[in-house]
Structures are given as C-alpha cells and as structure tokens.
N, C-alpha and C. Protein backbone atom coordinates (compact mmCIF):
# COMPACT_ATOMS: atom_id res chain seq x y z
N UNK A 1 -31.20 -22.35 10.97
CA UNK A 1 -31.05 -21.08 11.67
C UNK A 1 -29.65 -20.52 11.42
N UNK A 2 -29.56 -19.28 11.02
CA UNK A 2 -28.30 -18.62 10.72
C UNK A 2 -27.79 -17.86 11.94
N UNK A 3 -26.54 -18.10 12.27
CA UNK A 3 -25.93 -17.40 13.39
C UNK A 3 -25.51 -16.01 12.93
N UNK A 4 -25.69 -15.02 13.79
CA UNK A 4 -25.28 -13.65 13.51
C UNK A 4 -24.27 -13.21 14.56
N UNK A 5 -23.20 -12.58 14.08
CA UNK A 5 -22.16 -12.05 14.98
C UNK A 5 -21.99 -10.57 14.65
N UNK A 6 -21.32 -9.85 15.53
CA UNK A 6 -21.03 -8.45 15.28
C UNK A 6 -19.64 -8.31 14.68
N UNK A 7 -19.52 -7.46 13.68
CA UNK A 7 -18.22 -7.16 13.06
C UNK A 7 -17.29 -6.64 14.15
N UNK A 8 -16.08 -7.20 14.27
CA UNK A 8 -15.15 -6.75 15.31
C UNK A 8 -14.72 -5.29 15.17
N UNK A 9 -14.85 -4.73 13.97
CA UNK A 9 -14.43 -3.33 13.79
C UNK A 9 -15.57 -2.34 13.98
N UNK A 10 -16.69 -2.56 13.28
CA UNK A 10 -17.76 -1.55 13.29
C UNK A 10 -19.02 -1.99 14.04
N UNK A 11 -19.04 -3.23 14.49
CA UNK A 11 -20.15 -3.80 15.27
C UNK A 11 -21.43 -4.05 14.46
N UNK A 12 -21.37 -3.94 13.16
CA UNK A 12 -22.52 -4.24 12.31
C UNK A 12 -22.83 -5.74 12.39
N UNK A 13 -24.11 -6.11 12.38
CA UNK A 13 -24.51 -7.51 12.41
C UNK A 13 -24.07 -8.21 11.12
N UNK A 14 -23.46 -9.39 11.28
CA UNK A 14 -22.93 -10.16 10.15
C UNK A 14 -23.47 -11.58 10.23
N UNK A 15 -24.01 -12.07 9.12
CA UNK A 15 -24.45 -13.46 9.07
C UNK A 15 -23.23 -14.36 8.93
N UNK A 16 -23.17 -15.39 9.78
CA UNK A 16 -22.06 -16.34 9.75
C UNK A 16 -22.42 -17.45 8.78
N UNK A 17 -22.19 -17.18 7.50
CA UNK A 17 -22.51 -18.13 6.45
C UNK A 17 -21.31 -18.25 5.50
N UNK A 18 -21.16 -19.39 4.83
CA UNK A 18 -20.01 -19.57 3.93
C UNK A 18 -19.93 -18.52 2.82
N UNK A 19 -21.04 -17.99 2.40
CA UNK A 19 -21.05 -16.98 1.34
C UNK A 19 -20.41 -15.66 1.77
N UNK A 20 -20.35 -15.41 3.06
CA UNK A 20 -19.72 -14.19 3.56
C UNK A 20 -18.21 -14.42 3.67
N UNK A 21 -17.48 -14.04 2.63
CA UNK A 21 -16.05 -14.33 2.59
C UNK A 21 -15.22 -13.46 3.54
N UNK A 22 -15.84 -12.45 4.14
CA UNK A 22 -15.10 -11.56 5.06
C UNK A 22 -15.38 -11.87 6.53
N UNK A 23 -16.22 -12.85 6.80
CA UNK A 23 -16.58 -13.12 8.19
C UNK A 23 -15.35 -13.33 9.05
N UNK A 24 -15.27 -12.86 10.22
CA UNK A 24 -16.33 -12.24 11.03
C UNK A 24 -16.55 -10.77 10.72
N UNK A 25 -15.84 -10.23 9.72
CA UNK A 25 -16.01 -8.83 9.36
C UNK A 25 -17.18 -8.66 8.41
N UNK A 26 -17.73 -7.46 8.35
CA UNK A 26 -18.87 -7.21 7.48
C UNK A 26 -18.45 -6.95 6.04
N UNK A 27 -17.21 -6.48 5.84
CA UNK A 27 -16.75 -6.13 4.50
C UNK A 27 -15.23 -6.16 4.45
N UNK A 28 -14.70 -6.02 3.24
CA UNK A 28 -13.26 -6.03 3.06
C UNK A 28 -12.60 -4.85 3.78
N UNK A 29 -13.24 -3.71 3.79
CA UNK A 29 -12.69 -2.52 4.43
C UNK A 29 -12.42 -2.77 5.92
N UNK A 30 -13.41 -3.31 6.63
CA UNK A 30 -13.23 -3.58 8.06
C UNK A 30 -12.14 -4.62 8.28
N UNK A 31 -12.07 -5.61 7.41
CA UNK A 31 -11.03 -6.64 7.50
C UNK A 31 -9.64 -6.02 7.33
N UNK A 32 -9.48 -5.14 6.35
CA UNK A 32 -8.18 -4.51 6.10
C UNK A 32 -7.79 -3.53 7.21
N UNK A 33 -8.76 -2.83 7.77
CA UNK A 33 -8.46 -1.93 8.89
C UNK A 33 -7.93 -2.74 10.07
N UNK A 34 -8.54 -3.89 10.34
CA UNK A 34 -8.09 -4.74 11.43
C UNK A 34 -6.70 -5.30 11.14
N UNK A 35 -6.46 -5.73 9.93
CA UNK A 35 -5.15 -6.25 9.55
C UNK A 35 -4.07 -5.17 9.73
N UNK A 36 -4.39 -3.95 9.33
CA UNK A 36 -3.46 -2.84 9.51
C UNK A 36 -3.14 -2.58 10.96
N UNK A 37 -4.14 -2.72 11.83
CA UNK A 37 -3.91 -2.52 13.27
C UNK A 37 -2.95 -3.58 13.81
N UNK A 38 -3.09 -4.82 13.35
CA UNK A 38 -2.14 -5.86 13.77
C UNK A 38 -0.75 -5.55 13.25
N UNK A 39 -0.65 -5.09 12.00
CA UNK A 39 0.66 -4.78 11.41
C UNK A 39 1.35 -3.64 12.15
N UNK A 40 0.57 -2.67 12.65
CA UNK A 40 1.14 -1.55 13.40
C UNK A 40 1.31 -1.89 14.87
N UNK A 41 1.05 -3.14 15.22
CA UNK A 41 1.16 -3.65 16.60
C UNK A 41 0.24 -2.91 17.56
N UNK A 42 -0.93 -2.48 17.06
CA UNK A 42 -1.94 -1.89 17.93
C UNK A 42 -2.72 -2.98 18.66
N UNK A 43 -2.71 -4.19 18.14
CA UNK A 43 -3.32 -5.35 18.78
C UNK A 43 -2.18 -6.26 19.23
N UNK A 44 -2.40 -6.97 20.31
CA UNK A 44 -1.41 -7.92 20.79
C UNK A 44 -2.10 -9.03 21.55
N UNK A 45 -1.53 -10.21 21.50
CA UNK A 45 -2.03 -11.34 22.27
C UNK A 45 -1.31 -11.30 23.60
N UNK A 46 -2.05 -11.25 24.72
CA UNK A 46 -1.39 -11.15 26.02
C UNK A 46 -0.59 -12.40 26.35
N UNK A 47 0.46 -12.21 27.10
CA UNK A 47 1.29 -13.32 27.54
C UNK A 47 2.75 -12.97 27.40
N UNK A 48 3.57 -13.86 27.89
CA UNK A 48 5.02 -13.65 27.81
C UNK A 48 5.50 -14.04 26.42
N UNK A 49 6.29 -13.20 25.79
CA UNK A 49 6.86 -13.57 24.49
C UNK A 49 7.71 -14.82 24.63
N UNK A 50 7.54 -15.74 23.72
CA UNK A 50 8.22 -17.04 23.82
C UNK A 50 9.72 -16.96 23.55
N UNK A 51 10.17 -15.98 22.77
CA UNK A 51 11.55 -15.99 22.34
C UNK A 51 12.36 -14.80 22.84
N UNK A 52 11.86 -14.04 23.79
CA UNK A 52 12.62 -12.89 24.29
C UNK A 52 13.98 -13.30 24.83
N UNK A 53 14.03 -14.37 25.60
CA UNK A 53 15.31 -14.78 26.18
C UNK A 53 16.27 -15.25 25.09
N UNK A 54 15.78 -15.90 24.07
CA UNK A 54 16.65 -16.34 22.97
C UNK A 54 17.20 -15.15 22.20
N UNK A 55 16.35 -14.18 21.94
CA UNK A 55 16.80 -13.02 21.18
C UNK A 55 17.87 -12.24 21.96
N UNK A 56 17.69 -12.07 23.25
CA UNK A 56 18.68 -11.31 24.01
C UNK A 56 20.02 -12.05 24.05
N UNK A 57 19.99 -13.39 24.12
CA UNK A 57 21.22 -14.16 24.10
C UNK A 57 21.92 -14.03 22.75
N UNK A 58 21.15 -14.10 21.67
CA UNK A 58 21.73 -13.98 20.33
C UNK A 58 22.30 -12.58 20.11
N UNK A 59 21.64 -11.56 20.62
CA UNK A 59 22.11 -10.19 20.44
C UNK A 59 23.41 -9.97 21.18
N UNK A 60 23.65 -10.69 22.27
CA UNK A 60 24.91 -10.56 23.01
C UNK A 60 26.11 -11.01 22.17
N UNK A 61 25.87 -11.88 21.19
CA UNK A 61 26.95 -12.40 20.34
C UNK A 61 27.38 -11.41 19.26
N UNK A 62 26.57 -10.39 18.98
CA UNK A 62 26.89 -9.42 17.93
C UNK A 62 27.85 -8.37 18.47
N UNK A 63 28.88 -8.05 17.68
CA UNK A 63 29.81 -7.00 18.14
C UNK A 63 29.11 -5.62 18.09
N UNK A 64 29.47 -4.78 19.00
CA UNK A 64 28.90 -3.43 19.02
C UNK A 64 29.90 -2.46 18.41
N UNK A 65 29.37 -1.40 17.82
CA UNK A 65 30.21 -0.37 17.23
C UNK A 65 30.47 0.72 18.26
N UNK A 66 31.68 1.21 18.27
CA UNK A 66 32.03 2.30 19.20
C UNK A 66 32.53 3.48 18.44
C-alpha cells in the first residue's frame, strides 16, 4: 500500500515513494518556492532563538562609530 500526502505548497496528492525525488513536494517548482520562502524568512520555527543573548553580548564588544 502506497502512502499519499499533500504537497505542502499546492496541496496536490503526492505518492510517498522513493522514486519521487521531490517528496513531500509534487515537483521541483513547489520545492524551490518553499525553499525561497525559508530564505526570505517567511517561514520560521517557533521558539526562543538559542543565540540571541550571545549575539547581543558580542555586539556590545564592537566599537560604535560617531
């Protein structure tokens, strides 16, 4: 029995099989659109950023221009 999932971008039914190299996406186009959304920070994983406190401490060490 073959499992079917919906493409995260266009919701088209996708067979979850090794031959589908774009799974869970239906095609390369949907995969690239999703990748672009992550690159533009349109998607985010919820939670507290792990390194915010480290970055702010490091930034305090840099001299500022006046």
